[in-house]
Amino acid sequence: MSTRRNIVANYIGQGVAAVVSLAVVPIYIRYLGIEAYGLVGLFATLQVWMTLLDLGMTPTLGREMARYTAGRASIQFIRDLLRSLEILVFGLAAIIAVALYLASDWIARDWLDPGALGVGEVARALALVGVVIALRFCEGIYRSAIIGLQQQVWLNVAGVTLALLRSGGAVALLTQLPTIDAFFIWQGVISLVTLLAYAAKLHFGLPRAARRPRFSLDALRTVRGFAGGIFATTILAVLLTQVDKLLLSRLLSLADFGYYMIASTVTGGILIIIGPVLQAVYPALVRLVAGGDDARLASNYHTASQVMTVLLGPAALTLIFFADGVILAWSGDAKLVVHTAPILAALAVGTFLNALMQVPHHLQLAAGWTSLALYTNVVAVVLLVPALLWGVPRYGPVAAAVIWAVLNAGYVVTTIPIMHRRLLRGEQARWYLADVALPLAAAALVFGAGSWLADQLVLDRLAWLVFLPVVAGLALVAAVLAASALRQRLFAAFAEVARRRRLSPSRLPPGAAPK
């Protein structure tokens, strides 16, 4: 299946799932309250922290599946590797569930500030969280494998269906039983259904091997170098992206933590934008690196980078220029605007810069080079944790968002030159200028004009719902026209359409034959 078709499928599937997930957040807050939504935010944070126990297994399996589709790995090896990782992952999942159950009372009593919620209610919810996280932990290896096999159309159809069940079912349940326990029980049911569906798709979709698959230390040893590098990088990446949330869950009340997590959820929409591109591009990068085709590799790399900037720029700039309007249009809650808009704008800057680095990072992974991300993340964590411990107690959650933005600016400035000394030498200037600066500047000019216009108008919620998409759409057009690779493809597509129209039988003179 082509990379382009995979990207389209990913955007349709993940776009629908993202819209549904974001749309229901104000409904969750209405029925559960802001303290209970703080627990939902903690659930999301703990889920990311549990990826540390993945030990690099999930991305490793996805990479090996992509290598299998390129003819670089045998089905027997793939089957043995899958069985080996299943045994490890399910064992770790059981540990996760038991550990969170045992720690639930301590977390509720000594770590969190429950506010209006009782300690017993919070502890019960945390025990349920452990079960849900364990199920979703297992789900990850199957999703990664399906992506590596490029079965992404199926994955997105299944993902949309399950997302509608997950969010829509939760809303329906909360209207009748508005408790945090009911919410997490429903999440557990859907997570189990998802796990079974993905496992069945993978196992029935792979060809049979010469013998039954079995646990294989040899298969694990074959991938341990890559997996080890991924694991070390993951530890630091989790620290970078989640240590702020972990510290804030301790330093703030559940209500204030809930407001921070709302801002984080909205900025997470930026990451949802990049997910489909990375899912489709990464297997292609692996194949091109394995095949030694540097010219096509450079072309794919720059095109993917420009796609990232064009899609990310308007989305991030919307949150940066119009944080108040976004929150008001999304929730209709003026109180949420006051508490979340300053956090949202700063978080959007950092998340945008972090997302820009994902195509270069995935190029490094495709080449099996994990040490650069490891070393840069070590430096970043050493700087991040003390900065948070100093800034958050003095300036509150906004400090965490500003620190995140400054840190990622440092990434963009330092990591790209180092990477291009080894991979795609000579392509650094093109990445900074053609892939990032020009499309972003074009979009920013549109938003500058839009910001001036918004200051002249008095916009209510309905007006913001119209105004924001119009400005973002114009910025998207400007960014596409400023992105050289995308502009060339767009003009070529228009030229081809025009040529076909000229040569269509209905437009030819009588008796003339199309050329």
Protein backbone atom coordinates (compact mmCIF):
# COMPACT_ATOMS: atom_id res chain seq x y z
CA MET A 1 0.00 0.00 0.00
CA SER A 2 1.35 3.46 -0.94
CA THR A 3 2.61 5.93 1.61
CA ARG A 4 0.13 8.52 0.31
CA ARG A 5 -2.83 6.18 0.77
CA ASN A 6 -1.67 5.31 4.28
CA ILE A 7 -1.39 9.00 5.19
CA VAL A 8 -4.92 9.69 3.91
CA ALA A 9 -6.30 6.69 5.80
CA ASN A 10 -4.47 7.74 8.96
CA TYR A 11 -5.79 11.29 8.80
CA ILE A 12 -9.37 10.23 8.25
CA GLY A 13 -9.23 7.60 10.98
CA GLN A 14 -7.26 9.48 13.59
CA GLY A 15 -8.90 12.78 12.71
CA VAL A 16 -12.36 11.41 13.46
CA ALA A 17 -11.10 9.75 16.65
CA ALA A 18 -9.40 12.98 17.75
CA VAL A 19 -12.45 15.15 17.11
CA VAL A 20 -14.65 12.75 19.06
CA SER A 21 -12.18 12.59 21.96
CA LEU A 22 -11.83 16.37 22.19
CA ALA A 23 -15.55 17.01 21.77
CA VAL A 24 -16.50 14.93 24.80
CA VAL A 25 -14.07 16.56 27.28
CA PRO A 26 -16.46 19.43 28.19
CA ILE A 27 -19.20 16.82 28.64
CA TYR A 28 -16.98 14.79 30.96
CA ILE A 29 -16.28 17.92 33.02
CA ARG A 30 -20.00 18.74 33.19
CA TYR A 31 -20.97 15.32 34.55
CA LEU A 32 -17.87 14.41 36.57
CA GLY A 33 -16.60 17.79 37.80
CA ILE A 34 -13.13 19.29 37.43
CA GLU A 35 -11.60 17.23 40.28
CA ALA A 36 -12.71 13.96 38.68
CA TYR A 37 -11.40 15.18 35.34
CA GLY A 38 -8.09 15.71 37.10
CA LEU A 39 -8.14 11.93 37.72
CA VAL A 40 -8.78 11.37 34.02
CA GLY A 41 -5.73 13.53 33.32
CA LEU A 42 -3.70 11.53 35.84
CA PHE A 43 -4.83 8.35 34.07
CA ALA A 44 -3.45 9.70 30.79
CA THR A 45 -0.18 10.65 32.50
CA LEU A 46 0.25 7.26 34.17
CA GLN A 47 -0.47 5.56 30.87
CA VAL A 48 2.47 7.35 29.29
CA TRP A 49 4.71 6.57 32.27
CA MET A 50 3.89 2.88 31.88
CA THR A 51 5.54 2.93 28.45
CA LEU A 52 8.81 2.79 30.38
CA LEU A 53 8.02 -0.87 31.05
CA ASP A 54 7.70 -1.43 27.31
CA LEU A 55 11.52 -1.66 27.20
CA GLY A 56 11.51 -0.57 23.54
CA MET A 57 9.53 -3.64 22.51
CA THR A 58 6.65 -1.90 20.73
CA PRO A 59 8.66 0.25 18.25
CA THR A 60 11.07 -2.64 17.75
CA LEU A 61 8.27 -4.98 16.67
CA GLY A 62 6.89 -2.34 14.32
CA ARG A 63 10.32 -1.88 12.75
CA GLU A 64 10.80 -5.63 12.29
CA MET A 65 7.37 -5.94 10.68
CA ALA A 66 8.34 -3.19 8.22
CA ARG A 67 11.60 -5.05 7.51
CA TYR A 68 9.57 -8.22 6.93
CA THR A 69 7.43 -6.47 4.30
CA ALA A 70 10.68 -5.37 2.61
CA GLY A 71 11.92 -8.98 2.54
CA ARG A 72 14.58 -8.42 5.20
CA ALA A 73 13.19 -10.84 7.82
CA SER A 74 11.67 -14.34 7.68
CA ILE A 75 8.17 -15.21 8.84
CA GLN A 76 9.58 -17.70 11.35
CA PHE A 77 11.68 -14.99 12.95
CA ILE A 78 8.70 -12.61 12.99
CA ARG A 79 6.42 -15.23 14.56
CA ASP A 80 8.98 -16.12 17.23
CA LEU A 81 9.67 -12.46 18.00
CA LEU A 82 5.96 -11.74 18.31
CA ARG A 83 5.38 -14.66 20.68
CA SER A 84 8.40 -13.68 22.78
CA LEU A 85 7.23 -10.09 23.11
CA GLU A 86 3.67 -11.17 23.89
CA ILE A 87 4.89 -13.21 26.85
CA LEU A 88 6.96 -10.32 28.17
CA VAL A 89 4.26 -7.69 27.62
CA PHE A 90 1.44 -9.65 29.23
CA GLY A 91 3.63 -10.40 32.23
CA LEU A 92 4.47 -6.74 32.64
CA ALA A 93 0.80 -5.81 32.25
CA ALA A 94 -0.11 -8.02 35.19
CA ILE A 95 2.57 -6.30 37.27
CA ILE A 96 1.16 -2.88 36.31
CA ALA A 97 -2.37 -3.77 37.39
CA VAL A 98 -1.29 -5.29 40.72
CA ALA A 99 1.15 -2.47 41.51
CA LEU A 100 -1.41 0.29 40.97
CA TYR A 101 -3.98 -1.60 43.04
CA LEU A 102 -1.53 -1.91 45.93
CA ALA A 103 -0.42 1.72 45.66
CA SER A 104 -3.89 3.24 45.14
CA ASP A 105 -4.51 4.11 48.81
CA TRP A 106 -1.10 5.75 49.23
CA ILE A 107 -1.45 7.78 46.02
CA ALA A 108 -4.94 8.96 46.98
CA ARG A 109 -3.98 9.83 50.56
CA ASP A 110 -0.39 11.08 50.40
CA TRP A 111 0.33 12.16 46.81
CA LEU A 112 -2.88 13.78 45.54
CA ASP A 113 -5.04 16.55 46.96
CA PRO A 114 -8.51 15.10 46.21
CA GLY A 115 -10.44 18.26 47.06
CA ALA A 116 -14.17 17.54 46.91
CA LEU A 117 -13.54 13.86 46.16
CA GLY A 118 -13.03 11.46 49.04
CA VAL A 119 -9.82 9.46 49.48
CA GLY A 120 -11.75 6.19 49.17
CA GLU A 121 -13.36 7.25 45.89
CA VAL A 122 -10.02 8.30 44.44
CA ALA A 123 -8.34 5.05 45.56
CA ARG A 124 -11.08 2.96 43.92
CA ALA A 125 -10.71 4.90 40.70
CA LEU A 126 -6.93 4.40 40.72
CA ALA A 127 -7.36 0.63 41.11
CA LEU A 128 -9.58 0.63 38.01
CA VAL A 129 -7.02 2.79 36.23
CA GLY A 130 -4.44 0.04 36.78
CA VAL A 131 -6.59 -2.49 34.92
CA VAL A 132 -7.28 -0.14 32.01
CA ILE A 133 -3.62 0.83 31.66
CA ALA A 134 -2.57 -2.84 31.69
CA LEU A 135 -4.98 -3.65 28.85
CA ARG A 136 -3.86 -0.68 26.77
CA PHE A 137 -0.23 -1.57 27.44
CA CYS A 138 -0.83 -4.96 25.79
CA GLU A 139 -2.75 -3.34 22.95
CA GLY A 140 0.32 -1.32 21.94
CA ILE A 141 2.39 -4.18 20.52
CA TYR A 142 -0.41 -5.28 18.20
CA ARG A 143 -1.07 -1.75 16.97
CA SER A 144 2.63 -1.22 16.27
CA ALA A 145 2.87 -4.51 14.37
CA ILE A 146 -0.18 -3.71 12.24
CA ILE A 147 1.31 -0.31 11.39
CA GLY A 148 4.62 -1.96 10.45
CA LEU A 149 2.74 -4.30 8.10
CA GLN A 150 1.11 -1.19 6.56
CA GLN A 151 -2.41 -2.44 7.27
CA GLN A 152 -3.33 1.09 8.19
CA VAL A 153 -6.67 1.34 6.40
CA TRP A 154 -7.99 -1.55 8.50
CA LEU A 155 -6.41 -0.09 11.63
CA ASN A 156 -8.12 3.26 11.12
CA VAL A 157 -11.54 1.76 10.40
CA ALA A 158 -11.23 -0.25 13.60
CA GLY A 159 -9.85 2.76 15.47
CA VAL A 160 -12.75 5.03 14.50
CA THR A 161 -15.31 2.40 15.46
CA LEU A 162 -13.69 1.79 18.83
CA ALA A 163 -13.19 5.52 19.50
CA LEU A 164 -16.89 6.13 18.93
CA LEU A 165 -17.72 3.30 21.31
CA ARG A 166 -15.19 4.52 23.88
CA SER A 167 -16.30 8.15 23.95
CA GLY A 168 -19.93 7.87 22.94
CA GLY A 169 -20.55 4.98 25.29
CA ALA A 170 -18.90 6.86 28.15
CA VAL A 171 -21.12 9.90 27.60
CA ALA A 172 -24.25 7.73 27.44
CA LEU A 173 -23.23 5.95 30.64
CA LEU A 174 -22.40 9.17 32.50
CA THR A 175 -25.80 10.66 31.74
CA GLN A 176 -27.29 7.79 33.74
CA LEU A 177 -24.48 7.08 36.22
CA PRO A 178 -22.21 10.16 36.58
CA THR A 179 -19.41 8.61 38.64
CA ILE A 180 -15.70 8.27 37.99
CA ASP A 181 -15.93 4.52 38.70
CA ALA A 182 -18.46 4.08 35.89
CA PHE A 183 -16.21 6.02 33.53
CA PHE A 184 -13.17 3.82 34.14
CA ILE A 185 -15.16 0.56 34.06
CA TRP A 186 -16.38 1.48 30.59
CA GLN A 187 -12.83 2.35 29.51
CA GLY A 188 -11.74 -1.11 30.66
CA VAL A 189 -14.47 -2.87 28.68
CA ILE A 190 -13.57 -1.06 25.45
CA SER A 191 -9.84 -1.62 26.04
CA LEU A 192 -10.44 -5.37 26.31
CA VAL A 193 -12.47 -5.39 23.08
CA THR A 194 -9.72 -3.39 21.34
CA LEU A 195 -7.01 -5.77 22.53
CA LEU A 196 -8.88 -8.84 21.27
CA ALA A 197 -9.64 -7.23 17.89
CA TYR A 198 -6.04 -6.15 17.22
CA ALA A 199 -4.58 -9.47 18.35
CA ALA A 200 -6.95 -11.42 16.09
CA LYS A 201 -6.16 -9.20 13.09
CA LEU A 202 -2.41 -9.65 13.51
CA HIS A 203 -2.36 -13.38 14.18
CA PHE A 204 -4.77 -14.29 11.39
CA GLY A 205 -3.15 -11.83 8.98
CA LEU A 206 0.41 -13.19 9.20
CA PRO A 207 1.34 -16.25 7.11
CA ARG A 208 1.98 -19.50 8.94
CA ALA A 209 5.58 -20.39 9.75
CA ALA A 210 7.24 -23.78 9.27
CA ARG A 211 6.76 -24.56 12.97
CA ARG A 212 4.68 -23.19 15.81
CA PRO A 213 5.96 -19.90 17.23
CA ARG A 214 7.73 -20.06 20.57
CA PHE A 215 9.56 -17.91 23.06
CA SER A 216 12.98 -17.27 21.54
CA LEU A 217 15.93 -15.67 23.28
CA ASP A 218 17.73 -15.66 19.93
CA ALA A 219 15.00 -13.49 18.39
CA LEU A 220 15.18 -11.10 21.34
CA ARG A 221 18.97 -10.95 21.15
CA THR A 222 18.75 -10.04 17.47
CA VAL A 223 16.83 -6.85 18.22
CA ARG A 224 18.20 -6.02 21.66
CA GLY A 225 20.58 -3.33 20.43
CA PHE A 226 17.84 -1.35 18.73
CA ALA A 227 15.33 -2.06 21.50
CA GLY A 228 17.85 -1.04 24.15
CA GLY A 229 18.49 2.26 22.45
CA ILE A 230 14.77 2.86 22.07
CA PHE A 231 14.21 2.01 25.75
CA ALA A 232 16.83 4.46 26.94
CA THR A 233 15.46 7.14 24.63
CA THR A 234 11.91 6.40 25.81
CA ILE A 235 12.84 6.82 29.46
CA LEU A 236 14.14 10.29 28.77
CA ALA A 237 11.32 11.19 26.39
CA VAL A 238 8.76 10.25 29.04
CA LEU A 239 10.61 12.34 31.59
CA LEU A 240 10.67 15.29 29.22
CA THR A 241 6.99 15.15 28.29
CA GLN A 242 5.43 13.89 31.53
CA VAL A 243 7.57 14.98 34.49
CA ASP A 244 5.77 18.33 34.52
CA LYS A 245 2.43 16.57 34.89
CA LEU A 246 3.75 14.25 37.58
CA LEU A 247 5.12 17.14 39.63
CA LEU A 248 1.99 19.21 39.12
CA SER A 249 -0.22 16.33 40.31
CA ARG A 250 1.68 16.57 43.61
CA LEU A 251 2.03 20.34 43.84
CA LEU A 252 -1.48 21.36 42.76
CA SER A 253 -4.99 20.46 43.84
CA LEU A 254 -6.86 18.03 41.59
CA ALA A 255 -8.94 20.97 40.35
CA ASP A 256 -5.92 23.05 39.28
CA PHE A 257 -4.25 19.95 37.87
CA GLY A 258 -7.44 19.36 35.89
CA TYR A 259 -7.16 22.81 34.30
CA TYR A 260 -3.54 22.12 33.32
CA MET A 261 -4.54 18.78 31.81
CA ILE A 262 -7.30 20.46 29.82
CA ALA A 263 -4.70 22.74 28.24
CA SER A 264 -2.46 19.73 27.67
CA THR A 265 -5.34 17.84 26.05
CA VAL A 266 -6.00 20.67 23.60
CA THR A 267 -2.32 20.97 22.65
CA GLY A 268 -2.30 17.20 22.27
CA GLY A 269 -4.37 17.83 19.17
CA ILE A 270 -1.14 18.99 17.54
CA LEU A 271 0.41 15.58 18.17
CA ILE A 272 -2.68 13.90 16.74
CA ILE A 273 -2.01 15.80 13.51
CA ILE A 274 1.50 14.36 13.16
CA GLY A 275 0.66 10.77 14.11
CA PRO A 276 -0.80 9.72 10.74
CA VAL A 277 2.17 11.14 8.82
CA LEU A 278 4.70 9.38 11.04
CA GLN A 279 2.81 6.08 10.88
CA ALA A 280 2.91 6.17 7.10
CA VAL A 281 6.36 7.70 6.58
CA TYR A 282 8.40 5.66 9.08
CA PRO A 283 8.05 2.28 7.31
CA ALA A 284 9.00 4.00 4.04
CA LEU A 285 12.09 5.54 5.66
CA VAL A 286 13.09 2.12 7.00
CA ARG A 287 12.82 0.59 3.52
CA LEU A 288 14.79 3.40 1.86
CA VAL A 289 17.55 3.26 4.48
CA ALA A 290 17.72 -0.52 4.13
CA GLY A 291 17.87 -0.18 0.33
CA GLY A 292 20.55 2.53 0.38
CA ASP A 293 18.51 4.87 -1.84
CA ASP A 294 19.80 8.21 -0.52
CA ALA A 295 18.21 10.36 -3.23
CA ARG A 296 14.69 9.07 -2.57
CA LEU A 297 15.38 9.12 1.15
CA ALA A 298 16.24 12.84 1.03
CA SER A 299 13.18 13.57 -1.10
CA ASN A 300 10.85 11.70 1.26
CA TYR A 301 12.48 13.30 4.30
CA HIS A 302 12.03 16.87 3.06
CA THR A 303 8.53 16.26 1.77
CA ALA A 304 7.48 14.75 5.10
CA SER A 305 9.11 17.63 6.99
CA GLN A 306 7.24 20.19 4.88
CA VAL A 307 3.98 18.31 5.38
CA MET A 308 4.63 18.51 9.12
CA THR A 309 5.23 22.26 9.08
CA VAL A 310 2.26 22.97 6.83
CA LEU A 311 -0.11 20.97 9.02
CA LEU A 312 1.38 21.88 12.39
CA GLY A 313 1.91 25.59 11.76
CA PRO A 314 -1.72 26.69 11.36
CA ALA A 315 -2.85 24.41 14.20
CA ALA A 316 -0.20 25.63 16.64
CA LEU A 317 -0.51 29.28 15.65
CA THR A 318 -4.27 29.07 16.24
CA LEU A 319 -3.58 28.04 19.83
CA ILE A 320 -0.83 30.63 20.28
CA PHE A 321 -2.63 33.66 18.80
CA PHE A 322 -6.17 32.77 19.87
CA ALA A 323 -5.96 30.67 23.04
CA ASP A 324 -8.94 32.48 24.60
CA GLY A 325 -11.07 32.03 21.51
CA VAL A 326 -10.20 28.35 21.15
CA ILE A 327 -11.20 27.50 24.73
CA LEU A 328 -14.40 29.55 24.51
CA ALA A 329 -15.40 28.06 21.15
CA TRP A 330 -14.60 24.55 22.33
CA SER A 331 -16.22 24.57 25.76
CA GLY A 332 -18.41 27.66 26.04
CA ASP A 333 -17.11 27.97 29.61
CA ALA A 334 -15.69 31.38 30.56
CA LYS A 335 -14.16 29.95 33.73
CA LEU A 336 -12.13 27.47 31.69
CA VAL A 337 -10.89 30.33 29.52
CA VAL A 338 -9.50 32.21 32.52
CA HIS A 339 -7.72 29.19 34.00
CA THR A 340 -6.40 27.50 30.85
CA ALA A 341 -5.71 30.06 28.10
CA PRO A 342 -2.29 31.29 29.40
CA ILE A 343 -1.14 27.70 29.90
CA LEU A 344 -2.45 26.70 26.48
CA ALA A 345 -0.53 29.35 24.53
CA ALA A 346 2.83 28.48 26.11
CA LEU A 347 2.27 24.73 25.83
CA ALA A 348 1.41 25.14 22.15
CA VAL A 349 4.80 26.73 21.42
CA GLY A 350 6.72 23.89 23.04
CA THR A 351 4.57 21.14 21.58
CA PHE A 352 4.86 22.61 18.08
CA LEU A 353 8.66 22.73 18.28
CA ASN A 354 8.77 19.20 19.68
CA ALA A 355 6.53 17.93 16.89
CA LEU A 356 8.75 19.52 14.22
CA MET A 357 11.58 17.27 15.39
CA GLN A 358 9.66 14.05 14.88
CA VAL A 359 10.54 13.46 11.21
CA PRO A 360 14.28 13.93 11.90
CA HIS A 361 13.93 11.66 14.95
CA HIS A 362 12.21 8.95 12.91
CA LEU A 363 14.94 9.19 10.29
CA GLN A 364 17.43 8.43 13.06
CA LEU A 365 15.35 5.44 14.17
CA ALA A 366 15.08 4.17 10.60
CA ALA A 367 18.88 4.24 10.41
CA GLY A 368 19.14 2.42 13.75
CA TRP A 369 20.80 5.47 15.34
CA THR A 370 19.34 5.98 18.81
CA SER A 371 22.30 7.49 20.65
CA LEU A 372 21.77 11.09 19.49
CA ALA A 373 18.28 11.25 20.97
CA LEU A 374 19.60 9.52 24.08
CA TYR A 375 22.37 12.05 24.73
CA THR A 376 20.30 15.14 23.94
CA ASN A 377 17.49 13.90 26.16
CA VAL A 378 19.92 13.32 29.04
CA VAL A 379 21.02 16.94 28.82
CA ALA A 380 17.41 18.10 28.56
CA VAL A 381 16.26 16.14 31.62
CA VAL A 382 19.18 17.47 33.66
CA LEU A 383 17.99 20.98 32.81
CA LEU A 384 14.24 20.35 32.96
CA VAL A 385 13.73 18.84 36.42
CA PRO A 386 15.52 21.58 38.43
CA ALA A 387 13.82 24.25 36.34
CA LEU A 388 10.40 22.78 37.15
CA LEU A 389 11.19 22.40 40.84
CA TRP A 390 12.23 26.06 40.95
CA GLY A 391 9.57 27.56 38.68
CA VAL A 392 6.33 25.72 39.46
CA PRO A 393 6.17 26.52 43.21
CA ARG A 394 6.82 30.21 42.44
CA TYR A 395 4.79 30.83 39.30
CA GLY A 396 2.37 27.91 39.06
CA PRO A 397 1.49 25.77 36.05
CA VAL A 398 2.28 28.51 33.52
CA ALA A 399 5.96 28.16 34.48
CA ALA A 400 5.94 24.51 33.46
CA ALA A 401 4.51 25.45 30.06
CA VAL A 402 7.12 28.19 29.47
CA ILE A 403 9.98 25.89 30.48
CA TRP A 404 8.66 23.29 28.01
CA ALA A 405 8.72 25.87 25.21
CA VAL A 406 12.29 27.02 25.95
CA LEU A 407 13.55 23.45 26.16
CA ASN A 408 12.16 22.49 22.77
CA ALA A 409 13.55 25.62 21.16
CA GLY A 410 16.95 24.38 22.29
CA TYR A 411 16.26 21.03 20.63
CA VAL A 412 15.50 22.60 17.27
CA VAL A 413 18.65 24.74 17.36
CA THR A 414 21.12 22.04 18.45
CA THR A 415 19.93 18.62 17.28
CA ILE A 416 19.42 19.19 13.55
CA PRO A 417 23.04 20.28 12.83
CA ILE A 418 24.38 17.27 14.72
CA MET A 419 22.10 14.84 12.89
CA HIS A 420 22.94 16.15 9.42
CA ARG A 421 26.65 15.64 9.97
CA ARG A 422 25.90 11.91 9.77
CA LEU A 423 22.58 11.45 7.95
CA LEU A 424 21.74 13.23 4.69
CA ARG A 425 24.81 15.43 4.81
CA GLY A 426 24.29 18.86 3.30
CA GLU A 427 20.52 18.91 3.85
CA GLN A 428 20.51 20.97 7.06
CA ALA A 429 19.98 24.42 5.53
CA ARG A 430 17.16 23.12 3.36
CA TRP A 431 15.39 21.72 6.43
CA TYR A 432 15.60 24.99 8.36
CA LEU A 433 14.70 27.28 5.47
CA ALA A 434 12.52 25.43 2.94
CA ASP A 435 10.96 22.85 5.24
CA VAL A 436 10.26 25.02 8.29
CA ALA A 437 10.93 28.77 8.08
CA LEU A 438 9.18 29.72 4.83
CA PRO A 439 5.90 27.81 5.37
CA LEU A 440 5.76 28.91 9.01
CA ALA A 441 6.41 32.57 8.16
CA ALA A 442 3.66 32.54 5.53
CA ALA A 443 1.17 31.12 8.03
CA ALA A 444 2.27 33.57 10.75
CA LEU A 445 1.59 36.55 8.46
CA VAL A 446 -2.00 35.38 8.03
CA PHE A 447 -2.42 34.95 11.78
CA GLY A 448 -0.94 38.38 12.43
CA ALA A 449 -3.58 39.91 10.20
CA GLY A 450 -6.25 37.74 11.82
CA SER A 451 -5.17 38.84 15.30
CA TRP A 452 -5.47 42.50 14.31
CA LEU A 453 -8.94 41.86 12.89
CA ALA A 454 -10.07 39.97 16.02
CA ASP A 455 -9.03 42.96 18.14
CA GLN A 456 -11.39 45.17 16.11
CA LEU A 457 -14.34 42.83 16.57
CA VAL A 458 -16.30 41.54 19.55
CA LEU A 459 -16.52 37.77 19.05
CA ASP A 460 -18.87 35.49 20.95
CA ARG A 461 -18.68 31.70 20.93
CA LEU A 462 -20.50 31.29 17.62
CA ALA A 463 -18.37 33.96 15.96
CA TRP A 464 -15.18 32.25 17.16
CA LEU A 465 -16.42 28.95 15.71
CA VAL A 466 -16.56 30.64 12.30
CA PHE A 467 -13.56 32.94 12.62
CA LEU A 468 -10.96 30.37 13.74
CA PRO A 469 -11.41 27.87 10.87
CA VAL A 470 -11.38 30.68 8.30
CA VAL A 471 -8.09 32.12 9.55
CA ALA A 472 -6.53 28.66 9.95
CA GLY A 473 -7.68 27.68 6.46
CA LEU A 474 -6.15 30.79 4.89
CA ALA A 475 -2.93 30.15 6.82
CA LEU A 476 -2.88 26.56 5.56
CA VAL A 477 -3.14 27.75 1.96
CA ALA A 478 -0.34 30.27 2.52
CA ALA A 479 1.87 27.60 4.10
CA VAL A 480 1.30 25.16 1.22
CA LEU A 481 2.19 27.81 -1.35
CA ALA A 482 5.37 28.63 0.59
CA ALA A 483 6.46 24.97 0.87
CA SER A 484 8.48 24.19 -2.27
CA ALA A 485 7.95 20.42 -2.45
CA LEU A 486 4.23 20.64 -1.75
CA ARG A 487 3.77 23.60 -4.10
CA GLN A 488 5.41 21.70 -6.96
CA ARG A 489 3.21 18.67 -6.34
CA LEU A 490 0.11 20.84 -6.14
CA PHE A 491 0.87 22.65 -9.39
CA ALA A 492 1.73 19.35 -11.09
CA ALA A 493 -1.59 17.92 -9.96
CA PHE A 494 -3.47 20.96 -11.30
CA ALA A 495 -1.59 20.70 -14.60
CA GLU A 496 -2.47 17.03 -14.91
CA VAL A 497 -6.13 17.72 -14.22
CA ALA A 498 -6.13 20.49 -16.83
CA ARG A 499 -4.42 18.21 -19.37
CA ARG A 500 -6.97 15.47 -18.86
CA ARG A 501 -9.82 17.92 -19.23
CA ARG A 502 -8.38 19.19 -22.52
CA LEU A 503 -8.06 15.62 -23.80
CA SER A 504 -11.43 14.36 -22.55
CA PRO A 505 -13.67 13.11 -25.43
CA SER A 506 -16.44 15.57 -24.54
CA ARG A 507 -14.11 18.53 -25.20
CA LEU A 508 -12.55 17.29 -28.49
CA PRO A 509 -13.79 18.37 -31.93
CA PRO A 510 -16.03 15.84 -33.74
CA GLY A 511 -13.96 13.02 -35.23
CA ALA A 512 -10.79 13.88 -33.29
CA ALA A 513 -9.06 11.17 -31.27
CA PRO A 514 -7.51 11.79 -27.87
CA LYS A 515 -3.70 11.78 -27.83
